PDB file of N, CA and C in Angstrom:
ATOM      1  N   MET A   1       5.535 -83.364  72.174  1.00  0.00           N
ATOM      2  CA  MET A   1       5.973 -82.462  73.533  1.00  0.00           C
ATOM      3  C   MET A   1       5.886 -83.096  74.599  1.00  0.00           C
ATOM      4  N   LYS A   2       6.814 -82.996  75.603  1.00  0.00           N
ATOM      5  CA  LYS A   2       6.595 -83.511  76.957  1.00  0.00           C
ATOM      6  C   LYS A   2       5.583 -83.286  77.799  1.00  0.00           C
ATOM      7  N   ASN A   3       5.074 -83.653  78.627  1.00  0.00           N
ATOM      8  CA  ASN A   3       4.070 -83.295  79.648  1.00  0.00           C
ATOM      9  C   ASN A   3       5.179 -82.463  80.775  1.00  0.00           C
ATOM     10  N   ALA A   4       4.357 -81.493  81.179  1.00  0.00           N
ATOM     11  CA  ALA A   4       5.017 -80.339  82.193  1.00  0.00           C
ATOM     12  C   ALA A   4       5.613 -80.879  83.484  1.00  0.00           C
ATOM     13  N   SER A   5       5.190 -82.174  83.864  1.00  0.00           N
ATOM     14  CA  SER A   5       5.735 -82.938  84.951  1.00  0.00           C
ATOM     15  C   SER A   5       6.973 -83.313  84.948  1.00  0.00           C
ATOM     16  N   GLU A   6       7.605 -83.272  83.634  1.00  0.00           N
ATOM     17  CA  GLU A   6       8.900 -84.016  83.504  1.00  0.00           C
ATOM     18  C   GLU A   6      10.109 -82.905  83.379  1.00  0.00           C
ATOM     19  N   TYR A   7       9.369 -81.616  83.770  1.00  0.00           N
ATOM     20  CA  TYR A   7      10.236 -80.614  83.812  1.00  0.00           C
ATOM     21  C   TYR A   7      10.555 -79.926  85.447  1.00  0.00           C
ATOM     22  N   ALA A   8      11.678 -80.140  85.955  1.00  0.00           N
ATOM     23  CA  ALA A   8      11.757 -79.794  87.162  1.00  0.00           C
ATOM     24  C   ALA A   8      11.683 -77.889  87.407  1.00  0.00           C
ATOM     25  N   PHE A   9      12.262 -77.720  86.397  1.00  0.00           N
ATOM     26  CA  PHE A   9      12.303 -76.220  86.235  1.00  0.00           C
ATOM     27  C   PHE A   9      11.317 -75.186  86.293  1.00  0.00           C
ATOM     28  N   LEU A  10      10.085 -75.999  86.089  1.00  0.00           N
ATOM     29  CA  LEU A  10       8.715 -75.473  86.028  1.00  0.00           C
ATOM     30  C   LEU A  10       8.110 -75.250  87.466  1.00  0.00           C
ATOM     31  N   SER A  11       7.633 -73.920  87.756  1.00  0.00           N
ATOM     32  CA  SER A  11       6.409 -73.830  89.031  1.00  0.00           C
ATOM     33  C   SER A  11       5.543 -74.739  88.644  1.00  0.00           C
ATOM     34  N   ASN A  12       4.486 -74.775  89.522  1.00  0.00           N
ATOM     35  CA  ASN A  12       3.261 -75.545  89.461  1.00  0.00           C
ATOM     36  C   ASN A  12       2.500 -74.635  88.781  1.00  0.00           C
ATOM     37  N   LEU A  13       2.344 -73.439  88.925  1.00  0.00           N
ATOM     38  CA  LEU A  13       1.726 -72.492  87.855  1.00  0.00           C
ATOM     39  C   LEU A  13       1.961 -72.526  86.375  1.00  0.00           C
ATOM     40  N   GLU A  14       3.279 -72.652  86.462  1.00  0.00           N
ATOM     41  CA  GLU A  14       3.966 -72.673  84.827  1.00  0.00           C
ATOM     42  C   GLU A  14       3.507 -74.052  84.356  1.00  0.00           C
ATOM     43  N   LYS A  15       3.470 -74.907  85.061  1.00  0.00           N
ATOM     44  CA  LYS A  15       2.969 -76.650  84.464  1.00  0.00           C
ATOM     45  C   LYS A  15       1.421 -76.487  83.969  1.00  0.00           C
ATOM     46  N   LYS A  16       0.783 -75.789  84.967  1.00  0.00           N
ATOM     47  CA  LYS A  16      -0.597 -75.619  84.448  1.00  0.00           C
ATOM     48  C   LYS A  16      -0.623 -74.884  82.898  1.00  0.00           C
ATOM     49  N   VAL A  17      -0.145 -73.937  82.914  1.00  0.00           N
ATOM     50  CA  VAL A  17       0.084 -73.055  81.565  1.00  0.00           C
ATOM     51  C   VAL A  17       0.714 -74.161  80.420  1.00  0.00           C
ATOM     52  N   TRP A  18       1.875 -74.613  80.734  1.00  0.00           N
ATOM     53  CA  TRP A  18       2.247 -75.727  79.738  1.00  0.00           C
ATOM     54  C   TRP A  18       1.340 -76.596  79.099  1.00  0.00           C
ATOM     55  N   ASP A  19       0.788 -77.218  80.270  1.00  0.00           N
ATOM     56  CA  ASP A  19      -0.273 -78.233  79.910  1.00  0.00           C
ATOM     57  C   ASP A  19      -1.433 -77.731  78.998  1.00  0.00           C
ATOM     58  N   TRP A  20      -2.048 -76.695  79.668  1.00  0.00           N
ATOM     59  CA  TRP A  20      -2.970 -75.980  78.824  1.00  0.00           C
ATOM     60  C   TRP A  20      -2.434 -75.802  77.242  1.00  0.00           C
ATOM     61  N   LEU A  21      -1.605 -74.976  76.849  1.00  0.00           N
ATOM     62  CA  LEU A  21      -1.183 -74.976  75.661  1.00  0.00           C
ATOM     63  C   LEU A  21      -0.639 -76.276  74.969  1.00  0.00           C
ATOM     64  N   VAL A  22      -0.465 -77.081  75.198  1.00  0.00           N
ATOM     65  CA  VAL A  22       0.058 -78.682  74.663  1.00  0.00           C
ATOM     66  C   VAL A  22      -1.676 -78.833  74.364  1.00  0.00           C
ATOM     67  N   LYS A  23      -2.262 -79.050  75.317  1.00  0.00           N
ATOM     68  CA  LYS A  23      -3.742 -79.573  75.146  1.00  0.00           C
ATOM     69  C   LYS A  23      -4.436 -78.663  74.024  1.00  0.00           C
ATOM     70  N   ASN A  24      -4.208 -77.477  73.972  1.00  0.00           N
ATOM     71  CA  ASN A  24      -4.888 -76.782  72.821  1.00  0.00           C
ATOM     72  C   ASN A  24      -4.048 -76.369  71.608  1.00  0.00           C
ATOM     73  N   ASN A  25      -2.978 -77.428  71.569  1.00  0.00           N
ATOM     74  CA  ASN A  25      -2.252 -77.275  70.325  1.00  0.00           C
ATOM     75  C   ASN A  25      -1.456 -75.994  69.816  1.00  0.00           C
ATOM     76  N   ILE A  26      -1.067 -75.250  70.947  1.00  0.00           N
ATOM     77  CA  ILE A  26      -0.689 -74.120  70.899  1.00  0.00           C
ATOM     78  C   ILE A  26       1.154 -74.141  70.680  1.00  0.00           C
ATOM     79  N   PRO A  27       1.619 -73.810  69.686  1.00  0.00           N
ATOM     80  CA  PRO A  27       3.029 -73.974  69.710  1.00  0.00           C
ATOM     81  C   PRO A  27       3.784 -72.780  70.579  1.00  0.00           C
ATOM     82  N   PHE A  28       4.676 -73.264  71.133  1.00  0.00           N
ATOM     83  CA  PHE A  28       5.489 -72.363  72.273  1.00  0.00           C
ATOM     84  C   PHE A  28       6.844 -72.627  72.308  1.00  0.00           C
ATOM     85  N   ASP A  29       7.633 -71.503  72.983  1.00  0.00           N
ATOM     86  CA  ASP A  29       9.005 -71.822  73.350  1.00  0.00           C
ATOM     87  C   ASP A  29       8.871 -71.576  74.858  1.00  0.00           C
ATOM     88  N   THR A  30       9.834 -71.682  75.678  1.00  0.00           N
ATOM     89  CA  THR A  30       9.746 -71.582  77.403  1.00  0.00           C
ATOM     90  C   THR A  30      11.025 -70.950  77.806  1.00  0.00           C
ATOM     91  N   GLU A  31      10.956 -70.244  78.903  1.00  0.00           N
ATOM     92  CA  GLU A  31      12.132 -70.062  79.672  1.00  0.00           C
ATOM     93  C   GLU A  31      13.034 -69.253  78.800  1.00  0.00           C
ATOM     94  N   ARG A  32      12.494 -68.021  78.223  1.00  0.00           N
ATOM     95  CA  ARG A  32      13.366 -67.174  77.418  1.00  0.00           C
ATOM     96  C   ARG A  32      14.207 -66.079  78.275  1.00  0.00           C
ATOM     97  N   THR A  33      15.028 -65.484  77.741  1.00  0.00           N
ATOM     98  CA  THR A  33      15.564 -64.301  78.729  1.00  0.00           C
ATOM     99  C   THR A  33      15.852 -63.037  77.488  1.00  0.00           C
ATOM    100  N   PHE A  34      15.186 -61.986  77.534  1.00  0.00           N
ATOM    101  CA  PHE A  34      15.209 -60.807  76.746  1.00  0.00           C
ATOM    102  C   PHE A  34      16.039 -59.624  77.370  1.00  0.00           C
ATOM    103  N   LEU A  35      16.409 -58.822  76.527  1.00  0.00           N
ATOM    104  CA  LEU A  35      16.863 -57.624  76.846  1.00  0.00           C
ATOM    105  C   LEU A  35      18.290 -57.505  77.198  1.00  0.00           C
ATOM    106  N   ALA A  36      18.700 -58.572  77.882  1.00  0.00           N
ATOM    107  CA  ALA A  36      20.249 -58.844  78.544  1.00  0.00           C
ATOM    108  C   ALA A  36      20.511 -60.301  79.012  1.00  0.00           C
ATOM    109  N   GLY A  37      21.597 -60.760  79.148  1.00  0.00           N
ATOM    110  CA  GLY A  37      21.904 -62.014  79.544  1.00  0.00           C
ATOM    111  C   GLY A  37      21.241 -62.276  80.643  1.00  0.00           C
ATOM    112  N   ALA A  38      20.898 -63.395  80.896  1.00  0.00           N
ATOM    113  CA  ALA A  38      20.360 -64.214  82.180  1.00  0.00           C
ATOM    114  C   ALA A  38      20.940 -63.662  83.385  1.00  0.00           C
ATOM    115  N   GLY A  39      20.129 -63.065  84.086  1.00  0.00           N
ATOM    116  CA  GLY A  39      20.523 -62.614  85.482  1.00  0.00           C
ATOM    117  C   GLY A  39      21.439 -61.347  85.238  1.00  0.00           C
ATOM    118  N   GLU A  40      21.612 -60.837  84.242  1.00  0.00           N
ATOM    119  CA  GLU A  40      21.847 -59.295  84.407  1.00  0.00           C
ATOM    120  C   GLU A  40      21.006 -58.199  84.649  1.00  0.00           C
ATOM    121  N   LEU A  41      21.728 -57.285  85.071  1.00  0.00           N
ATOM    122  CA  LEU A  41      20.644 -56.131  85.612  1.00  0.00           C
ATOM    123  C   LEU A  41      19.914 -55.958  84.246  1.00  0.00           C
ATOM    124  N   GLY A  42      18.607 -55.510  84.139  1.00  0.00           N
ATOM    125  CA  GLY A  42      17.824 -55.195  83.039  1.00  0.00           C
ATOM    126  C   GLY A  42      17.278 -56.220  82.129  1.00  0.00           C
ATOM    127  N   SER A  43      17.834 -57.533  82.572  1.00  0.00           N
ATOM    128  CA  SER A  43      17.248 -58.501  81.794  1.00  0.00           C
ATOM    129  C   SER A  43      15.761 -58.785  82.346  1.00  0.00           C
ATOM    130  N   ALA A  44      15.125 -59.772  81.141  1.00  0.00           N
ATOM    131  CA  ALA A  44      13.625 -59.784  81.536  1.00  0.00           C
ATOM    132  C   ALA A  44      13.707 -61.515  81.191  1.00  0.00           C
ATOM    133  N   LYS A  45      12.983 -62.327  82.434  1.00  0.00           N
ATOM    134  CA  LYS A  45      12.880 -63.623  81.728  1.00  0.00           C
ATOM    135  C   LYS A  45      11.433 -63.568  81.571  1.00  0.00           C
ATOM    136  N   VAL A  46      10.908 -64.466  80.377  1.00  0.00           N
ATOM    137  CA  VAL A  46       9.740 -64.762  80.074  1.00  0.00           C
ATOM    138  C   VAL A  46       9.377 -65.987  80.326  1.00  0.00           C
ATOM    139  N   ASP A  47       8.194 -66.486  80.729  1.00  0.00           N
ATOM    140  CA  ASP A  47       7.918 -67.902  80.892  1.00  0.00           C
ATOM    141  C   ASP A  47       7.447 -68.485  79.584  1.00  0.00           C
ATOM    142  N   PHE A  48       6.819 -68.027  78.774  1.00  0.00           N
ATOM    143  CA  PHE A  48       6.369 -68.449  77.367  1.00  0.00           C
ATOM    144  C   PHE A  48       6.384 -67.547  76.260  1.00  0.00           C
ATOM    145  N   VAL A  49       6.929 -68.042  75.402  1.00  0.00           N
ATOM    146  CA  VAL A  49       6.745 -67.500  74.073  1.00  0.00           C
ATOM    147  C   VAL A  49       6.124 -68.066  72.964  1.00  0.00           C
ATOM    148  N   ILE A  50       4.990 -67.333  72.202  1.00  0.00           N
ATOM    149  CA  ILE A  50       4.169 -67.795  71.274  1.00  0.00           C
ATOM    150  C   ILE A  50       4.556 -67.008  70.240  1.00  0.00           C
ATOM    151  N   PRO A  51       5.741 -67.796  69.353  1.00  0.00           N
ATOM    152  CA  PRO A  51       6.279 -67.074  68.054  1.00  0.00           C
ATOM    153  C   PRO A  51       5.512 -66.731  67.387  1.00  0.00           C
ATOM    154  N   ASP A  52       4.417 -67.345  66.745  1.00  0.00           N
ATOM    155  CA  ASP A  52       3.382 -66.852  65.655  1.00  0.00           C
ATOM    156  C   ASP A  52       2.600 -65.691  66.135  1.00  0.00           C
ATOM    157  N   ARG A  53       2.563 -65.218  67.081  1.00  0.00           N
ATOM    158  CA  ARG A  53       1.875 -64.127  67.504  1.00  0.00           C
ATOM    159  C   ARG A  53       2.662 -63.060  68.213  1.00  0.00           C
ATOM    160  N   ASN A  54       3.830 -63.188  68.030  1.00  0.00           N
ATOM    161  CA  ASN A  54       5.031 -62.092  68.862  1.00  0.00           C
ATOM    162  C   ASN A  54       4.324 -62.033  70.568  1.00  0.00           C
ATOM    163  N   LEU A  55       3.893 -63.089  70.841  1.00  0.00           N
ATOM    164  CA  LEU A  55       3.404 -62.992  72.226  1.00  0.00           C
ATOM    165  C   LEU A  55       4.453 -63.531  73.627  1.00  0.00           C
ATOM    166  N   LEU A  56       4.446 -62.525  74.386  1.00  0.00           N
ATOM    167  CA  LEU A  56       4.708 -63.192  75.558  1.00  0.00           C
ATOM    168  C   LEU A  56       4.130 -63.208  76.897  1.00  0.00           C
ATOM    169  N   LEU A  57       4.388 -64.536  77.535  1.00  0.00           N
ATOM    170  CA  LEU A  57       3.112 -64.705  78.507  1.00  0.00           C
ATOM    171  C   LEU A  57       4.233 -64.841  79.648  1.00  0.00           C
ATOM    172  N   ARG A  58       3.875 -64.249  81.128  1.00  0.00           N
ATOM    173  CA  ARG A  58       4.519 -64.174  82.092  1.00  0.00           C
ATOM    174  C   ARG A  58       3.795 -64.613  83.144  1.00  0.00           C
ATOM    175  N   VAL A  59       4.215 -65.777  83.853  1.00  0.00           N
ATOM    176  CA  VAL A  59       3.644 -66.174  84.888  1.00  0.00           C
ATOM    177  C   VAL A  59       3.824 -65.666  86.359  1.00  0.00           C
ATOM    178  N   MET A  60       2.560 -65.135  86.717  1.00  0.00           N
ATOM    179  CA  MET A  60       2.909 -64.048  87.911  1.00  0.00           C
ATOM    180  C   MET A  60       2.474 -64.945  88.942  1.00  0.00           C
ATOM    181  N   GLY A  61       3.356 -65.554  89.875  1.00  0.00           N
ATOM    182  CA  GLY A  61       2.921 -66.132  91.059  1.00  0.00           C
ATOM    183  C   GLY A  61       2.972 -65.144  92.460  1.00  0.00           C
ATOM    184  N   SER A  62       2.327 -65.399  93.369  1.00  0.00           N
ATOM    185  CA  SER A  62       2.273 -64.346  94.448  1.00  0.00           C
ATOM    186  C   SER A  62       3.249 -64.464  95.049  1.00  0.00           C
ATOM    187  N   TYR A  63       4.164 -65.269  95.103  1.00  0.00           N
ATOM    188  CA  TYR A  63       5.499 -65.494  96.082  1.00  0.00           C
ATOM    189  C   TYR A  63       6.439 -64.679  95.432  1.00  0.00           C
ATOM    190  N   TRP A  64       6.642 -64.709  94.209  1.00  0.00           N
ATOM    191  CA  TRP A  64       7.772 -63.958  93.488  1.00  0.00           C
ATOM    192  C   TRP A  64       7.123 -62.543  93.030  1.00  0.00           C
ATOM    193  N   HIS A  65       5.707 -62.107  92.915  1.00  0.00           N
ATOM    194  CA  HIS A  65       5.754 -61.129  92.299  1.00  0.00           C
ATOM    195  C   HIS A  65       4.664 -60.172  93.372  1.00  0.00           C
ATOM    196  N   SER A  66       4.944 -60.198  94.295  1.00  0.00           N
ATOM    197  CA  SER A  66       4.016 -59.299  95.052  1.00  0.00           C
ATOM    198  C   SER A  66       5.092 -58.617  95.838  1.00  0.00           C
ATOM    199  N   GLY A  67       4.679 -57.327  96.456  1.00  0.00           N
ATOM    200  CA  GLY A  67       5.697 -56.239  97.102  1.00  0.00           C
ATOM    201  C   GLY A  67       5.787 -55.407  96.268  1.00  0.00           C
ATOM    202  N   LEU A  68       6.097 -54.108  96.721  1.00  0.00           N
ATOM    203  CA  LEU A  68       6.439 -53.030  96.138  1.00  0.00           C
ATOM    204  C   LEU A  68       7.688 -53.201  95.086  1.00  0.00           C
ATOM    205  N   GLU A  69       8.670 -53.660  95.378  1.00  0.00           N
ATOM    206  CA  GLU A  69       9.693 -53.942  94.609  1.00  0.00           C
ATOM    207  C   GLU A  69       9.800 -54.722  93.656  1.00  0.00           C
ATOM    208  N   ALA A  70       9.159 -55.814  93.543  1.00  0.00           N
ATOM    209  CA  ALA A  70       8.758 -56.845  92.736  1.00  0.00           C
ATOM    210  C   ALA A  70       7.809 -56.488  91.461  1.00  0.00           C
ATOM    211  N   LYS A  71       6.805 -55.476  92.208  1.00  0.00           N
ATOM    212  CA  LYS A  71       5.663 -55.062  91.225  1.00  0.00           C
ATOM    213  C   LYS A  71       6.724 -53.967  90.279  1.00  0.00           C
ATOM    214  N   ALA A  72       7.428 -53.214  90.728  1.00  0.00           N
ATOM    215  CA  ALA A  72       8.015 -52.171  90.066  1.00  0.00           C
ATOM    216  C   ALA A  72       9.109 -52.758  89.136  1.00  0.00           C
ATOM    217  N   ARG A  73       9.766 -53.939  89.538  1.00  0.00           N
ATOM    218  CA  ARG A  73      10.580 -54.772  88.657  1.00  0.00           C
ATOM    219  C   ARG A  73       9.950 -55.062  87.332  1.00  0.00           C
ATOM    220  N   ASP A  74       8.887 -55.824  87.792  1.00  0.00           N
ATOM    221  CA  ASP A  74       7.877 -56.470  86.616  1.00  0.00           C
ATOM    222  C   ASP A  74       7.318 -55.545  85.649  1.00  0.00           C
ATOM    223  N   GLU A  75       6.937 -54.410  86.244  1.00  0.00           N
ATOM    224  CA  GLU A  75       6.526 -53.257  85.379  1.00  0.00           C
ATOM    225  C   GLU A  75       7.393 -52.724  84.425  1.00  0.00           C
ATOM    226  N   LEU A  76       8.535 -52.350  84.815  1.00  0.00           N
ATOM    227  CA  LEU A  76       9.519 -51.799  83.960  1.00  0.00           C
ATOM    228  C   LEU A  76      10.085 -52.880  82.958  1.00  0.00           C
ATOM    229  N   SER A  77      10.300 -54.023  83.195  1.00  0.00           N
ATOM    230  CA  SER A  77      10.195 -55.183  82.554  1.00  0.00           C
ATOM    231  C   SER A  77       9.331 -55.410  81.644  1.00  0.00           C
ATOM    232  N   LYS A  78       8.064 -54.922  81.727  1.00  0.00           N
ATOM    233  CA  LYS A  78       6.931 -55.379  80.709  1.00  0.00           C
ATOM    234  C   LYS A  78       7.046 -54.072  79.874  1.00  0.00           C
ATOM    235  N   GLU A  79       7.171 -52.989  80.426  1.00  0.00           N
ATOM    236  CA  GLU A  79       7.180 -51.770  79.547  1.00  0.00           C
ATOM    237  C   GLU A  79       8.599 -52.167  78.446  1.00  0.00           C
ATOM    238  N   ARG A  80       9.634 -52.547  78.958  1.00  0.00           N
ATOM    239  CA  ARG A  80      10.871 -52.622  78.125  1.00  0.00           C
ATOM    240  C   ARG A  80      10.465 -53.479  76.999  1.00  0.00           C
ATOM    241  N   LEU A  81       9.923 -54.479  77.152  1.00  0.00           N
ATOM    242  CA  LEU A  81       9.730 -55.717  76.437  1.00  0.00           C
ATOM    243  C   LEU A  81       8.772 -55.040  75.301  1.00  0.00           C
ATOM    244  N   MET A  82       7.735 -54.294  75.737  1.00  0.00           N
ATOM    245  CA  MET A  82       6.819 -53.640  74.862  1.00  0.00           C
ATOM    246  C   MET A  82       7.395 -52.784  74.005  1.00  0.00           C
ATOM    247  N   ALA A  83       8.175 -52.101  74.474  1.00  0.00           N
ATOM    248  CA  ALA A  83       8.741 -51.103  73.703  1.00  0.00           C
ATOM    249  C   ALA A  83       9.714 -51.588  72.347  1.00  0.00           C
ATOM    250  N   GLN A  84      10.150 -52.872  72.804  1.00  0.00           N
ATOM    251  CA  GLN A  84      10.653 -53.866  71.797  1.00  0.00           C
ATOM    252  C   GLN A  84       9.814 -54.390  70.896  1.00  0.00           C
ATOM    253  N   GLY A  85       8.548 -54.143  70.984  1.00  0.00           N
ATOM    254  CA  GLY A  85       7.552 -54.575  70.079  1.00  0.00           C
ATOM    255  C   GLY A  85       6.863 -55.949  70.142  1.00  0.00           C
ATOM    256  N   TYR A  86       7.167 -56.404  71.397  1.00  0.00           N
ATOM    257  CA  TYR A  86       6.233 -57.432  71.896  1.00  0.00           C
ATOM    258  C   TYR A  86       5.037 -57.351  72.436  1.00  0.00           C
ATOM    259  N   ASN A  87       4.023 -58.035  72.632  1.00  0.00           N
ATOM    260  CA  ASN A  87       2.833 -58.015  73.239  1.00  0.00           C
ATOM    261  C   ASN A  87       3.217 -58.849  74.342  1.00  0.00           C
ATOM    262  N   VAL A  88       2.970 -58.339  75.464  1.00  0.00           N
ATOM    263  CA  VAL A  88       3.246 -58.813  76.759  1.00  0.00           C
ATOM    264  C   VAL A  88       1.870 -59.019  77.710  1.00  0.00           C
ATOM    265  N   VAL A  89       1.750 -60.404  78.374  1.00  0.00           N
ATOM    266  CA  VAL A  89       0.536 -60.600  78.917  1.00  0.00           C
ATOM    267  C   VAL A  89       1.031 -61.370  80.064  1.00  0.00           C
ATOM    268  N   ASP A  90       0.564 -60.717  81.446  1.00  0.00           N
ATOM    269  CA  ASP A  90       0.858 -61.256  82.631  1.00  0.00           C
ATOM    270  C   ASP A  90      -0.286 -61.965  82.955  1.00  0.00           C
ATOM    271  N   LEU A  91       0.227 -63.491  83.570  1.00  0.00           N
ATOM    272  CA  LEU A  91      -0.931 -64.271  83.884  1.00  0.00           C
ATOM    273  C   LEU A  91      -0.908 -64.635  85.410  1.00  0.00           C
ATOM    274  N   HIS A  92      -1.831 -63.792  85.933  1.00  0.00           N
ATOM    275  CA  HIS A  92      -1.544 -63.941  87.637  1.00  0.00           C
ATOM    276  C   HIS A  92      -2.559 -65.218  88.254  1.00  0.00           C
ATOM    277  N   GLU A  93      -1.596 -65.724  89.101  1.00  0.00           N
ATOM    278  CA  GLU A  93      -1.918 -66.487  89.805  1.00  0.00           C
ATOM    279  C   GLU A  93      -3.488 -66.857  90.173  1.00  0.00           C
ATOM    280  N   GLU A  94      -4.193 -65.958  90.734  1.00  0.00           N
ATOM    281  CA  GLU A  94      -5.479 -66.263  91.206  1.00  0.00           C
ATOM    282  C   GLU A  94      -6.556 -66.458  89.747  1.00  0.00           C
ATOM    283  N   ASN A  95      -5.963 -66.246  88.652  1.00  0.00           N
ATOM    284  CA  ASN A  95      -6.671 -66.415  87.402  1.00  0.00           C
ATOM    285  C   ASN A  95      -6.459 -67.465  86.779  1.00  0.00           C
ATOM    286  N   LEU A  96      -5.517 -68.474  87.222  1.00  0.00           N
ATOM    287  CA  LEU A  96      -5.015 -69.587  86.496  1.00  0.00           C
ATOM    288  C   LEU A  96      -5.539 -71.084  87.516  1.00  0.00           C
ATOM    289  N   THR A  97      -6.701 -70.509  88.384  1.00  0.00           N
ATOM    290  CA  THR A  97      -7.564 -71.588  88.965  1.00  0.00           C
ATOM    291  C   THR A  97      -7.929 -72.729  87.747  1.00  0.00           C
ATOM    292  N   ASP A  98      -8.327 -73.583  88.144  1.00  0.00           N
ATOM    293  CA  ASP A  98      -8.926 -74.734  87.387  1.00  0.00           C
ATOM    294  C   ASP A  98     -10.188 -74.222  86.714  1.00  0.00           C
ATOM    295  N   GLU A  99     -10.881 -73.576  87.539  1.00  0.00           N
ATOM    296  CA  GLU A  99     -12.170 -72.877  86.910  1.00  0.00           C
ATOM    297  C   GLU A  99     -12.019 -71.822  85.937  1.00  0.00           C
ATOM    298  N   ARG A 100     -10.977 -71.167  86.004  1.00  0.00           N
ATOM    299  CA  ARG A 100     -10.603 -69.703  85.214  1.00  0.00           C
ATOM    300  C   ARG A 100      -9.688 -69.646  83.992  1.00  0.00           C
ATOM    301  N   ILE A 101      -8.626 -70.863  84.094  1.00  0.00           N
ATOM    302  CA  ILE A 101      -7.620 -71.091  83.159  1.00  0.00           C
ATOM    303  C   ILE A 101      -8.039 -70.988  81.674  1.00  0.00           C
ATOM    304  N   ASP A 102      -9.128 -71.749  81.469  1.00  0.00           N
ATOM    305  CA  ASP A 102      -9.684 -71.517  79.987  1.00  0.00           C
ATOM    306  C   ASP A 102     -10.060 -70.067  79.512  1.00  0.00           C
ATOM    307  N   ASN A 103     -10.549 -69.333  80.389  1.00  0.00           N
ATOM    308  CA  ASN A 103     -10.817 -68.078  80.110  1.00  0.00           C
ATOM    309  C   ASN A 103      -9.587 -67.296  79.968  1.00  0.00           C
ATOM    310  N   THR A 104      -8.701 -67.443  81.259  1.00  0.00           N
ATOM    311  CA  THR A 104      -7.796 -66.638  81.119  1.00  0.00           C
ATOM    312  C   THR A 104      -6.631 -66.881  79.782  1.00  0.00           C
ATOM    313  N   MET A 105      -6.664 -67.750  79.638  1.00  0.00           N
ATOM    314  CA  MET A 105      -5.830 -68.426  78.565  1.00  0.00           C
ATOM    315  C   MET A 105      -6.276 -68.027  77.207  1.00  0.00           C
ATOM    316  N   GLN A 106      -7.540 -67.933  76.844  1.00  0.00           N
ATOM    317  CA  GLN A 106      -8.343 -67.707  75.505  1.00  0.00           C
ATOM    318  C   GLN A 106      -8.029 -66.183  75.591  1.00  0.00           C
ATOM    319  N   LEU A 107      -8.311 -65.193  76.520  1.00  0.00           N
ATOM    320  CA  LEU A 107      -7.867 -63.897  76.491  1.00  0.00           C
ATOM    321  C   LEU A 107      -6.474 -63.614  76.156  1.00  0.00           C
ATOM    322  N   ALA A 108      -5.592 -64.371  76.909  1.00  0.00           N
ATOM    323  CA  ALA A 108      -4.028 -64.185  76.586  1.00  0.00           C
ATOM    324  C   ALA A 108      -3.832 -64.401  75.350  1.00  0.00           C
ATOM    325  N   LEU A 109      -4.155 -65.319  74.531  1.00  0.00           N
ATOM    326  CA  LEU A 109      -3.704 -65.456  73.224  1.00  0.00           C
ATOM    327  C   LEU A 109      -4.284 -64.614  72.422  1.00  0.00           C
ATOM    328  N   ARG A 110      -5.304 -63.828  72.843  1.00  0.00           N
ATOM    329  CA  ARG A 110      -5.697 -62.397  72.120  1.00  0.00           C
ATOM    330  C   ARG A 110      -5.011 -61.153  72.370  1.00  0.00           C
ATOM    331  N   GLY A 111      -4.110 -61.481  73.418  1.00  0.00           N
ATOM    332  CA  GLY A 111      -3.075 -60.277  73.672  1.00  0.00           C
ATOM    333  C   GLY A 111      -4.182 -59.527  74.875  1.00  0.00           C
ATOM    334  N   GLU A 112      -4.789 -60.118  75.704  1.00  0.00           N
ATOM    335  CA  GLU A 112      -5.592 -59.340  76.570  1.00  0.00           C
ATOM    336  C   GLU A 112      -5.215 -60.325  78.216  1.00  0.00           C
ATOM    337  N   GLU A 113      -5.286 -59.243  79.097  1.00  0.00           N
ATOM    338  CA  GLU A 113      -5.103 -59.893  80.325  1.00  0.00           C
ATOM    339  C   GLU A 113      -6.348 -59.928  81.174  1.00  0.00           C
ATOM    340  N   THR A 114      -6.562 -60.668  82.191  1.00  0.00           N
ATOM    341  CA  THR A 114      -7.834 -60.907  83.078  1.00  0.00           C
ATOM    342  C   THR A 114      -7.591 -59.702  84.053  1.00  0.00           C
ATOM    343  N   LEU A 115      -8.650 -59.476  84.655  1.00  0.00           N
ATOM    344  CA  LEU A 115      -8.421 -58.280  85.763  1.00  0.00           C
ATOM    345  C   LEU A 115      -8.049 -59.084  87.051  1.00  0.00           C
ATOM    346  N   ARG A 116      -7.259 -58.562  88.065  1.00  0.00           N
ATOM    347  CA  ARG A 116      -6.787 -59.233  89.045  1.00  0.00           C
ATOM    348  C   ARG A 116      -8.032 -59.073  90.177  1.00  0.00           C
TER     349      ARG A 116
END
């Protein structure tokens, strides 16, 4: 699998998660849209899919995922994905620092989120 730096569509935070997953030999898919077509009302974009665990990882950077409207949109999307039977874990920017990423990702692979 290629190094994350080779993919322009990934944010810096997504690159950190990508590299961690590759380094730890975790098979994954990336950039998948669920619930509707991409860009359609009600669609949910997911950053990483861990197929063998039925796990969806969403990278939540502060730029796109702060404010009341964004938080409401994210929560609704998460609830809808969970209603479809997926385990959804949000990876918040402050938990993806070099010091915290190992713990954050280990919890995420168990379906748990770190506190904000």
